[in-house]
Amino acid sequence: DKVLALPVYLPVAAWWLGGPAGWAL
């Protein structure tokens, strides 16, 4: 559960990311 927090919460950074960097998530 602790490790799974990484892929679950990381994509929230897409709020600030655009273009290819955002689509990587």
mmCIF file of all heavy atoms, coordinates in Angstrom:
data_MODEL
# 
_entry.id   MODEL 
# 
loop_
_atom_site.group_PDB 
_atom_site.id 
_atom_site.type_symbol 
_atom_site.label_atom_id 
_atom_site.label_alt_id 
_atom_site.label_comp_id 
_atom_site.label_asym_id 
_atom_site.label_entity_id 
_atom_site.label_seq_id 
_atom_site.pdbx_PDB_ins_code 
_atom_site.Cartn_x 
_atom_site.Cartn_y 
_atom_site.Cartn_z 
_atom_site.occupancy 
_atom_site.B_iso_or_equiv 
_atom_site.pdbx_formal_charge 
_atom_site.auth_seq_id 
_atom_site.auth_comp_id 
_atom_site.auth_asym_id 
_atom_site.auth_atom_id 
_atom_site.pdbx_PDB_model_num 
ATOM 1   N N   . ASP A 1 1  ? 0.824  -1.207 0.000   1.00 0.00 ? 1  ASP A N   1 
ATOM 2   C CA  . ASP A 1 1  ? 0.000  0.000  0.000   1.00 0.00 ? 1  ASP A CA  1 
ATOM 3   C C   . ASP A 1 1  ? 0.857  1.254  0.000   1.00 0.00 ? 1  ASP A C   1 
ATOM 4   O O   . ASP A 1 1  ? 0.527  2.251  -0.666  1.00 0.00 ? 1  ASP A O   1 
ATOM 5   C CB  . ASP A 1 1  ? -0.929 -0.008 1.218   1.00 0.00 ? 1  ASP A CB  1 
ATOM 6   C CG  . ASP A 1 1  ? -2.103 -0.957 1.038   1.00 0.00 ? 1  ASP A CG  1 
ATOM 7   O OD1 . ASP A 1 1  ? -2.399 -1.309 -0.112  1.00 0.00 ? 1  ASP A OD1 1 
ATOM 8   O OD2 . ASP A 1 1  ? -2.716 -1.348 2.051   1.00 0.00 ? 1  ASP A OD2 1 
ATOM 9   N N   . LYS A 1 2  ? 1.948  1.223  0.755   1.00 0.00 ? 2  LYS A N   1 
ATOM 10  C CA  . LYS A 1 2  ? 2.842  2.380  0.766   1.00 0.00 ? 2  LYS A CA  1 
ATOM 11  C C   . LYS A 1 2  ? 3.490  2.594  -0.603  1.00 0.00 ? 2  LYS A C   1 
ATOM 12  O O   . LYS A 1 2  ? 3.584  3.716  -1.104  1.00 0.00 ? 2  LYS A O   1 
ATOM 13  C CB  . LYS A 1 2  ? 3.924  2.188  1.833   1.00 0.00 ? 2  LYS A CB  1 
ATOM 14  C CG  . LYS A 1 2  ? 3.457  2.467  3.251   1.00 0.00 ? 2  LYS A CG  1 
ATOM 15  C CD  . LYS A 1 2  ? 3.111  3.934  3.420   1.00 0.00 ? 2  LYS A CD  1 
ATOM 16  C CE  . LYS A 1 2  ? 2.716  4.264  4.833   1.00 0.00 ? 2  LYS A CE  1 
ATOM 17  N NZ  . LYS A 1 2  ? 2.359  5.708  4.984   1.00 0.00 ? 2  LYS A NZ  1 
ATOM 18  N N   . VAL A 1 3  ? 3.934  1.503  -1.208  1.00 0.00 ? 3  VAL A N   1 
ATOM 19  C CA  . VAL A 1 3  ? 4.594  1.615  -2.515  1.00 0.00 ? 3  VAL A CA  1 
ATOM 20  C C   . VAL A 1 3  ? 3.595  2.034  -3.591  1.00 0.00 ? 3  VAL A C   1 
ATOM 21  O O   . VAL A 1 3  ? 3.915  2.830  -4.490  1.00 0.00 ? 3  VAL A O   1 
ATOM 22  C CB  . VAL A 1 3  ? 5.272  0.285  -2.884  1.00 0.00 ? 3  VAL A CB  1 
ATOM 23  C CG1 . VAL A 1 3  ? 5.845  0.339  -4.296  1.00 0.00 ? 3  VAL A CG1 1 
ATOM 24  C CG2 . VAL A 1 3  ? 6.375  -0.037 -1.882  1.00 0.00 ? 3  VAL A CG2 1 
ATOM 25  N N   . LEU A 1 4  ? 2.375  1.532  -3.511  1.00 0.00 ? 4  LEU A N   1 
ATOM 26  C CA  . LEU A 1 4  ? 1.369  1.862  -4.518  1.00 0.00 ? 4  LEU A CA  1 
ATOM 27  C C   . LEU A 1 4  ? 0.950  3.329  -4.463  1.00 0.00 ? 4  LEU A C   1 
ATOM 28  O O   . LEU A 1 4  ? 0.325  3.828  -5.410  1.00 0.00 ? 4  LEU A O   1 
ATOM 29  C CB  . LEU A 1 4  ? 0.144  0.967  -4.336  1.00 0.00 ? 4  LEU A CB  1 
ATOM 30  C CG  . LEU A 1 4  ? 0.317  -0.486 -4.783  1.00 0.00 ? 4  LEU A CG  1 
ATOM 31  C CD1 . LEU A 1 4  ? -0.890 -1.315 -4.370  1.00 0.00 ? 4  LEU A CD1 1 
ATOM 32  C CD2 . LEU A 1 4  ? 0.522  -0.558 -6.288  1.00 0.00 ? 4  LEU A CD2 1 
ATOM 33  N N   . ALA A 1 5  ? 1.267  3.999  -3.354  1.00 0.00 ? 5  ALA A N   1 
ATOM 34  C CA  . ALA A 1 5  ? 0.958  5.426  -3.287  1.00 0.00 ? 5  ALA A CA  1 
ATOM 35  C C   . ALA A 1 5  ? 1.694  6.212  -4.369  1.00 0.00 ? 5  ALA A C   1 
ATOM 36  O O   . ALA A 1 5  ? 1.224  7.266  -4.810  1.00 0.00 ? 5  ALA A O   1 
ATOM 37  C CB  . ALA A 1 5  ? 1.316  5.972  -1.902  1.00 0.00 ? 5  ALA A CB  1 
ATOM 38  N N   . LEU A 1 6  ? 2.837  5.683  -4.814  1.00 0.00 ? 6  LEU A N   1 
ATOM 39  C CA  . LEU A 1 6  ? 3.616  6.388  -5.844  1.00 0.00 ? 6  LEU A CA  1 
ATOM 40  C C   . LEU A 1 6  ? 2.836  6.552  -7.144  1.00 0.00 ? 6  LEU A C   1 
ATOM 41  O O   . LEU A 1 6  ? 2.597  7.677  -7.588  1.00 0.00 ? 6  LEU A O   1 
ATOM 42  C CB  . LEU A 1 6  ? 4.931  5.648  -6.091  1.00 0.00 ? 6  LEU A CB  1 
ATOM 43  C CG  . LEU A 1 6  ? 5.898  5.554  -4.911  1.00 0.00 ? 6  LEU A CG  1 
ATOM 44  C CD1 . LEU A 1 6  ? 7.047  4.619  -5.271  1.00 0.00 ? 6  LEU A CD1 1 
ATOM 45  C CD2 . LEU A 1 6  ? 6.422  6.919  -4.550  1.00 0.00 ? 6  LEU A CD2 1 
ATOM 46  N N   . PRO A 1 7  ? 2.412  5.453  -7.805  1.00 0.00 ? 7  PRO A N   1 
ATOM 47  C CA  . PRO A 1 7  ? 1.693  5.635  -9.066  1.00 0.00 ? 7  PRO A CA  1 
ATOM 48  C C   . PRO A 1 7  ? 0.283  6.188  -8.898  1.00 0.00 ? 7  PRO A C   1 
ATOM 49  O O   . PRO A 1 7  ? -0.297 6.674  -9.863  1.00 0.00 ? 7  PRO A O   1 
ATOM 50  C CB  . PRO A 1 7  ? 1.643  4.218  -9.655  1.00 0.00 ? 7  PRO A CB  1 
ATOM 51  C CG  . PRO A 1 7  ? 1.761  3.308  -8.480  1.00 0.00 ? 7  PRO A CG  1 
ATOM 52  C CD  . PRO A 1 7  ? 2.651  4.031  -7.516  1.00 0.00 ? 7  PRO A CD  1 
ATOM 53  N N   . VAL A 1 8  ? -0.265 6.114  -7.689  1.00 0.00 ? 8  VAL A N   1 
ATOM 54  C CA  . VAL A 1 8  ? -1.618 6.635  -7.488  1.00 0.00 ? 8  VAL A CA  1 
ATOM 55  C C   . VAL A 1 8  ? -1.609 8.154  -7.355  1.00 0.00 ? 8  VAL A C   1 
ATOM 56  O O   . VAL A 1 8  ? -2.441 8.853  -7.940  1.00 0.00 ? 8  VAL A O   1 
ATOM 57  C CB  . VAL A 1 8  ? -2.260 5.982  -6.246  1.00 0.00 ? 8  VAL A CB  1 
ATOM 58  C CG1 . VAL A 1 8  ? -3.567 6.684  -5.892  1.00 0.00 ? 8  VAL A CG1 1 
ATOM 59  C CG2 . VAL A 1 8  ? -2.528 4.502  -6.509  1.00 0.00 ? 8  VAL A CG2 1 
ATOM 60  N N   . TYR A 1 9  ? -0.679 8.693  -6.579  1.00 0.00 ? 9  TYR A N   1 
ATOM 61  C CA  . TYR A 1 9  ? -0.670 10.135 -6.314  1.00 0.00 ? 9  TYR A CA  1 
ATOM 62  C C   . TYR A 1 9  ? 0.207  10.933 -7.278  1.00 0.00 ? 9  TYR A C   1 
ATOM 63  O O   . TYR A 1 9  ? -0.009 12.129 -7.466  1.00 0.00 ? 9  TYR A O   1 
ATOM 64  C CB  . TYR A 1 9  ? -0.200 10.398 -4.874  1.00 0.00 ? 9  TYR A CB  1 
ATOM 65  C CG  . TYR A 1 9  ? -1.211 9.998  -3.838  1.00 0.00 ? 9  TYR A CG  1 
ATOM 66  C CD1 . TYR A 1 9  ? -1.148 8.761  -3.208  1.00 0.00 ? 9  TYR A CD1 1 
ATOM 67  C CD2 . TYR A 1 9  ? -2.246 10.859 -3.479  1.00 0.00 ? 9  TYR A CD2 1 
ATOM 68  C CE1 . TYR A 1 9  ? -2.079 8.380  -2.253  1.00 0.00 ? 9  TYR A CE1 1 
ATOM 69  C CE2 . TYR A 1 9  ? -3.184 10.494 -2.522  1.00 0.00 ? 9  TYR A CE2 1 
ATOM 70  C CZ  . TYR A 1 9  ? -3.097 9.244  -1.912  1.00 0.00 ? 9  TYR A CZ  1 
ATOM 71  O OH  . TYR A 1 9  ? -4.026 8.875  -0.977  1.00 0.00 ? 9  TYR A OH  1 
ATOM 72  N N   . LEU A 1 10 ? 1.204  10.287 -7.889  1.00 0.00 ? 10 LEU A N   1 
ATOM 73  C CA  . LEU A 1 10 ? 2.124  11.010 -8.772  1.00 0.00 ? 10 LEU A CA  1 
ATOM 74  C C   . LEU A 1 10 ? 1.428  11.733 -9.923  1.00 0.00 ? 10 LEU A C   1 
ATOM 75  O O   . LEU A 1 10 ? 1.778  12.879 -10.232 1.00 0.00 ? 10 LEU A O   1 
ATOM 76  C CB  . LEU A 1 10 ? 3.176  10.042 -9.317  1.00 0.00 ? 10 LEU A CB  1 
ATOM 77  C CG  . LEU A 1 10 ? 4.186  10.615 -10.311 1.00 0.00 ? 10 LEU A CG  1 
ATOM 78  C CD1 . LEU A 1 10 ? 5.003  11.721 -9.660  1.00 0.00 ? 10 LEU A CD1 1 
ATOM 79  C CD2 . LEU A 1 10 ? 5.091  9.511  -10.852 1.00 0.00 ? 10 LEU A CD2 1 
ATOM 80  N N   . PRO A 1 11 ? 0.424  11.139 -10.598 1.00 0.00 ? 11 PRO A N   1 
ATOM 81  C CA  . PRO A 1 11 ? -0.170 11.831 -11.747 1.00 0.00 ? 11 PRO A CA  1 
ATOM 82  C C   . PRO A 1 11 ? -0.869 13.141 -11.423 1.00 0.00 ? 11 PRO A C   1 
ATOM 83  O O   . PRO A 1 11 ? -1.220 13.884 -12.344 1.00 0.00 ? 11 PRO A O   1 
ATOM 84  C CB  . PRO A 1 11 ? -1.180 10.792 -12.286 1.00 0.00 ? 11 PRO A CB  1 
ATOM 85  C CG  . PRO A 1 11 ? -0.657 9.480  -11.832 1.00 0.00 ? 11 PRO A CG  1 
ATOM 86  C CD  . PRO A 1 11 ? -0.077 9.754  -10.480 1.00 0.00 ? 11 PRO A CD  1 
ATOM 87  N N   . VAL A 1 12 ? -1.091 13.448 -10.142 1.00 0.00 ? 12 VAL A N   1 
ATOM 88  C CA  . VAL A 1 12 ? -1.676 14.749 -9.817  1.00 0.00 ? 12 VAL A CA  1 
ATOM 89  C C   . VAL A 1 12 ? -0.765 15.871 -10.293 1.00 0.00 ? 12 VAL A C   1 
ATOM 90  O O   . VAL A 1 12 ? -1.218 16.996 -10.557 1.00 0.00 ? 12 VAL A O   1 
ATOM 91  C CB  . VAL A 1 12 ? -1.933 14.842 -8.292  1.00 0.00 ? 12 VAL A CB  1 
ATOM 92  C CG1 . VAL A 1 12 ? -2.439 16.225 -7.904  1.00 0.00 ? 12 VAL A CG1 1 
ATOM 93  C CG2 . VAL A 1 12 ? -2.957 13.785 -7.872  1.00 0.00 ? 12 VAL A CG2 1 
ATOM 94  N N   . ALA A 1 13 ? 0.524  15.581 -10.438 1.00 0.00 ? 13 ALA A N   1 
ATOM 95  C CA  . ALA A 1 13 ? 1.453  16.582 -10.969 1.00 0.00 ? 13 ALA A CA  1 
ATOM 96  C C   . ALA A 1 13 ? 1.100  16.997 -12.385 1.00 0.00 ? 13 ALA A C   1 
ATOM 97  O O   . ALA A 1 13 ? 1.567  18.044 -12.867 1.00 0.00 ? 13 ALA A O   1 
ATOM 98  C CB  . ALA A 1 13 ? 2.878  16.038 -10.928 1.00 0.00 ? 13 ALA A CB  1 
ATOM 99  N N   . ALA A 1 14 ? 0.267  16.221 -13.072 1.00 0.00 ? 14 ALA A N   1 
ATOM 100 C CA  . ALA A 1 14 ? -0.157 16.589 -14.427 1.00 0.00 ? 14 ALA A CA  1 
ATOM 101 C C   . ALA A 1 14 ? -0.942 17.894 -14.450 1.00 0.00 ? 14 ALA A C   1 
ATOM 102 O O   . ALA A 1 14 ? -1.123 18.486 -15.517 1.00 0.00 ? 14 ALA A O   1 
ATOM 103 C CB  . ALA A 1 14 ? -1.000 15.460 -15.034 1.00 0.00 ? 14 ALA A CB  1 
ATOM 104 N N   . TRP A 1 15 ? -1.394 18.349 -13.284 1.00 0.00 ? 15 TRP A N   1 
ATOM 105 C CA  . TRP A 1 15 ? -2.095 19.631 -13.217 1.00 0.00 ? 15 TRP A CA  1 
ATOM 106 C C   . TRP A 1 15 ? -1.186 20.775 -13.687 1.00 0.00 ? 15 TRP A C   1 
ATOM 107 O O   . TRP A 1 15 ? -1.656 21.757 -14.245 1.00 0.00 ? 15 TRP A O   1 
ATOM 108 C CB  . TRP A 1 15 ? -2.562 19.884 -11.793 1.00 0.00 ? 15 TRP A CB  1 
ATOM 109 C CG  . TRP A 1 15 ? -3.363 21.133 -11.615 1.00 0.00 ? 15 TRP A CG  1 
ATOM 110 C CD1 . TRP A 1 15 ? -2.951 22.319 -11.093 1.00 0.00 ? 15 TRP A CD1 1 
ATOM 111 C CD2 . TRP A 1 15 ? -4.741 21.333 -11.976 1.00 0.00 ? 15 TRP A CD2 1 
ATOM 112 N NE1 . TRP A 1 15 ? -3.966 23.239 -11.092 1.00 0.00 ? 15 TRP A NE1 1 
ATOM 113 C CE2 . TRP A 1 15 ? -5.087 22.656 -11.625 1.00 0.00 ? 15 TRP A CE2 1 
ATOM 114 C CE3 . TRP A 1 15 ? -5.712 20.513 -12.559 1.00 0.00 ? 15 TRP A CE3 1 
ATOM 115 C CZ2 . TRP A 1 15 ? -6.352 23.163 -11.831 1.00 0.00 ? 15 TRP A CZ2 1 
ATOM 116 C CZ3 . TRP A 1 15 ? -6.980 21.022 -12.772 1.00 0.00 ? 15 TRP A CZ3 1 
ATOM 117 C CH2 . TRP A 1 15 ? -7.290 22.336 -12.402 1.00 0.00 ? 15 TRP A CH2 1 
ATOM 118 N N   . TRP A 1 16 ? 0.128  20.630 -13.445 1.00 0.00 ? 16 TRP A N   1 
ATOM 119 C CA  . TRP A 1 16 ? 1.080  21.661 -13.852 1.00 0.00 ? 16 TRP A CA  1 
ATOM 120 C C   . TRP A 1 16 ? 1.832  21.296 -15.126 1.00 0.00 ? 16 TRP A C   1 
ATOM 121 O O   . TRP A 1 16 ? 2.548  22.129 -15.670 1.00 0.00 ? 16 TRP A O   1 
ATOM 122 C CB  . TRP A 1 16 ? 2.102  21.903 -12.733 1.00 0.00 ? 16 TRP A CB  1 
ATOM 123 C CG  . TRP A 1 16 ? 1.501  22.506 -11.508 1.00 0.00 ? 16 TRP A CG  1 
ATOM 124 C CD1 . TRP A 1 16 ? 1.055  23.787 -11.350 1.00 0.00 ? 16 TRP A CD1 1 
ATOM 125 C CD2 . TRP A 1 16 ? 1.273  21.853 -10.265 1.00 0.00 ? 16 TRP A CD2 1 
ATOM 126 N NE1 . TRP A 1 16 ? 0.568  23.972 -10.081 1.00 0.00 ? 16 TRP A NE1 1 
ATOM 127 C CE2 . TRP A 1 16 ? 0.684  22.798 -9.384  1.00 0.00 ? 16 TRP A CE2 1 
ATOM 128 C CE3 . TRP A 1 16 ? 1.503  20.560 -9.782  1.00 0.00 ? 16 TRP A CE3 1 
ATOM 129 C CZ2 . TRP A 1 16 ? 0.333  22.494 -8.082  1.00 0.00 ? 16 TRP A CZ2 1 
ATOM 130 C CZ3 . TRP A 1 16 ? 1.150  20.259 -8.480  1.00 0.00 ? 16 TRP A CZ3 1 
ATOM 131 C CH2 . TRP A 1 16 ? 0.568  21.213 -7.650  1.00 0.00 ? 16 TRP A CH2 1 
ATOM 132 N N   . LEU A 1 17 ? 1.724  20.054 -15.551 1.00 0.00 ? 17 LEU A N   1 
ATOM 133 C CA  . LEU A 1 17 ? 2.504  19.598 -16.698 1.00 0.00 ? 17 LEU A CA  1 
ATOM 134 C C   . LEU A 1 17 ? 1.655  19.607 -17.967 1.00 0.00 ? 17 LEU A C   1 
ATOM 135 O O   . LEU A 1 17 ? 0.485  19.234 -17.947 1.00 0.00 ? 17 LEU A O   1 
ATOM 136 C CB  . LEU A 1 17 ? 3.041  18.181 -16.456 1.00 0.00 ? 17 LEU A CB  1 
ATOM 137 C CG  . LEU A 1 17 ? 3.996  18.009 -15.269 1.00 0.00 ? 17 LEU A CG  1 
ATOM 138 C CD1 . LEU A 1 17 ? 4.361  16.540 -15.116 1.00 0.00 ? 17 LEU A CD1 1 
ATOM 139 C CD2 . LEU A 1 17 ? 5.250  18.855 -15.466 1.00 0.00 ? 17 LEU A CD2 1 
ATOM 140 N N   . GLY A 1 18 ? 2.254  19.989 -19.053 1.00 0.00 ? 18 GLY A N   1 
ATOM 141 C CA  . GLY A 1 18 ? 1.582  19.953 -20.336 1.00 0.00 ? 18 GLY A CA  1 
ATOM 142 C C   . GLY A 1 18 ? 2.473  19.310 -21.386 1.00 0.00 ? 18 GLY A C   1 
ATOM 143 O O   . GLY A 1 18 ? 3.659  19.055 -21.146 1.00 0.00 ? 18 GLY A O   1 
ATOM 144 N N   . GLY A 1 19 ? 1.927  19.048 -22.555 1.00 0.00 ? 19 GLY A N   1 
ATOM 145 C CA  . GLY A 1 19 ? 2.710  18.490 -23.638 1.00 0.00 ? 19 GLY A CA  1 
ATOM 146 C C   . GLY A 1 19 ? 3.163  17.070 -23.366 1.00 0.00 ? 19 GLY A C   1 
ATOM 147 O O   . GLY A 1 19 ? 2.513  16.312 -22.630 1.00 0.00 ? 19 GLY A O   1 
ATOM 148 N N   . PRO A 1 20 ? 4.292  16.675 -23.913 1.00 0.00 ? 20 PRO A N   1 
ATOM 149 C CA  . PRO A 1 20 ? 4.775  15.292 -23.762 1.00 0.00 ? 20 PRO A CA  1 
ATOM 150 C C   . PRO A 1 20 ? 5.018  14.893 -22.308 1.00 0.00 ? 20 PRO A C   1 
ATOM 151 O O   . PRO A 1 20 ? 4.814  13.743 -21.934 1.00 0.00 ? 20 PRO A O   1 
ATOM 152 C CB  . PRO A 1 20 ? 6.087  15.299 -24.567 1.00 0.00 ? 20 PRO A CB  1 
ATOM 153 C CG  . PRO A 1 20 ? 5.950  16.433 -25.525 1.00 0.00 ? 20 PRO A CG  1 
ATOM 154 C CD  . PRO A 1 20 ? 5.140  17.468 -24.818 1.00 0.00 ? 20 PRO A CD  1 
ATOM 155 N N   . ALA A 1 21 ? 5.483  15.847 -21.481 1.00 0.00 ? 21 ALA A N   1 
ATOM 156 C CA  . ALA A 1 21 ? 5.737  15.519 -20.077 1.00 0.00 ? 21 ALA A CA  1 
ATOM 157 C C   . ALA A 1 21 ? 4.451  15.094 -19.385 1.00 0.00 ? 21 ALA A C   1 
ATOM 158 O O   . ALA A 1 21 ? 4.442  14.167 -18.565 1.00 0.00 ? 21 ALA A O   1 
ATOM 159 C CB  . ALA A 1 21 ? 6.361  16.714 -19.370 1.00 0.00 ? 21 ALA A CB  1 
ATOM 160 N N   . GLY A 1 22 ? 3.345  15.752 -19.691 1.00 0.00 ? 22 GLY A N   1 
ATOM 161 C CA  . GLY A 1 22 ? 2.076  15.380 -19.081 1.00 0.00 ? 22 GLY A CA  1 
ATOM 162 C C   . GLY A 1 22 ? 1.556  14.050 -19.593 1.00 0.00 ? 22 GLY A C   1 
ATOM 163 O O   . GLY A 1 22 ? 1.075  13.215 -18.832 1.00 0.00 ? 22 GLY A O   1 
ATOM 164 N N   . TRP A 1 23 ? 1.684  13.832 -20.893 1.00 0.00 ? 23 TRP A N   1 
ATOM 165 C CA  . TRP A 1 23 ? 1.171  12.588 -21.479 1.00 0.00 ? 23 TRP A CA  1 
ATOM 166 C C   . TRP A 1 23 ? 1.952  11.366 -21.006 1.00 0.00 ? 23 TRP A C   1 
ATOM 167 O O   . TRP A 1 23 ? 1.464  10.238 -21.116 1.00 0.00 ? 23 TRP A O   1 
ATOM 168 C CB  . TRP A 1 23 ? 1.224  12.681 -23.000 1.00 0.00 ? 23 TRP A CB  1 
ATOM 169 C CG  . TRP A 1 23 ? 0.067  13.457 -23.569 1.00 0.00 ? 23 TRP A CG  1 
ATOM 170 C CD1 . TRP A 1 23 ? 0.087  14.730 -24.049 1.00 0.00 ? 23 TRP A CD1 1 
ATOM 171 C CD2 . TRP A 1 23 ? -1.283 13.005 -23.692 1.00 0.00 ? 23 TRP A CD2 1 
ATOM 172 N NE1 . TRP A 1 23 ? -1.161 15.113 -24.463 1.00 0.00 ? 23 TRP A NE1 1 
ATOM 173 C CE2 . TRP A 1 23 ? -2.030 14.070 -24.259 1.00 0.00 ? 23 TRP A CE2 1 
ATOM 174 C CE3 . TRP A 1 23 ? -1.940 11.821 -23.370 1.00 0.00 ? 23 TRP A CE3 1 
ATOM 175 C CZ2 . TRP A 1 23 ? -3.386 13.984 -24.507 1.00 0.00 ? 23 TRP A CZ2 1 
ATOM 176 C CZ3 . TRP A 1 23 ? -3.306 11.726 -23.631 1.00 0.00 ? 23 TRP A CZ3 1 
ATOM 177 C CH2 . TRP A 1 23 ? -4.012 12.787 -24.187 1.00 0.00 ? 23 TRP A CH2 1 
ATOM 178 N N   . ALA A 1 24 ? 3.146  11.568 -20.492 1.00 0.00 ? 24 ALA A N   1 
ATOM 179 C CA  . ALA A 1 24 ? 3.912  10.430 -19.974 1.00 0.00 ? 24 ALA A CA  1 
ATOM 180 C C   . ALA A 1 24 ? 3.207  9.764  -18.797 1.00 0.00 ? 24 ALA A C   1 
ATOM 181 O O   . ALA A 1 24 ? 3.468  8.594  -18.493 1.00 0.00 ? 24 ALA A O   1 
ATOM 182 C CB  . ALA A 1 24 ? 5.307  10.893 -19.559 1.00 0.00 ? 24 ALA A CB  1 
ATOM 183 N N   . LEU A 1 25 ? 2.304  10.495 -18.139 1.00 0.00 ? 25 LEU A N   1 
ATOM 184 C CA  . LEU A 1 25 ? 1.560  9.947  -17.006 1.00 0.00 ? 25 LEU A CA  1 
ATOM 185 C C   . LEU A 1 25 ? 0.226  9.332  -17.424 1.00 0.00 ? 25 LEU A C   1 
ATOM 186 O O   . LEU A 1 25 ? -0.509 8.826  -16.574 1.00 0.00 ? 25 LEU A O   1 
ATOM 187 C CB  . LEU A 1 25 ? 1.301  11.047 -15.963 1.00 0.00 ? 25 LEU A CB  1 
ATOM 188 C CG  . LEU A 1 25 ? 2.550  11.687 -15.357 1.00 0.00 ? 25 LEU A CG  1 
ATOM 189 C CD1 . LEU A 1 25 ? 2.158  12.884 -14.495 1.00 0.00 ? 25 LEU A CD1 1 
ATOM 190 C CD2 . LEU A 1 25 ? 3.313  10.664 -14.522 1.00 0.00 ? 25 LEU A CD2 1 
# 
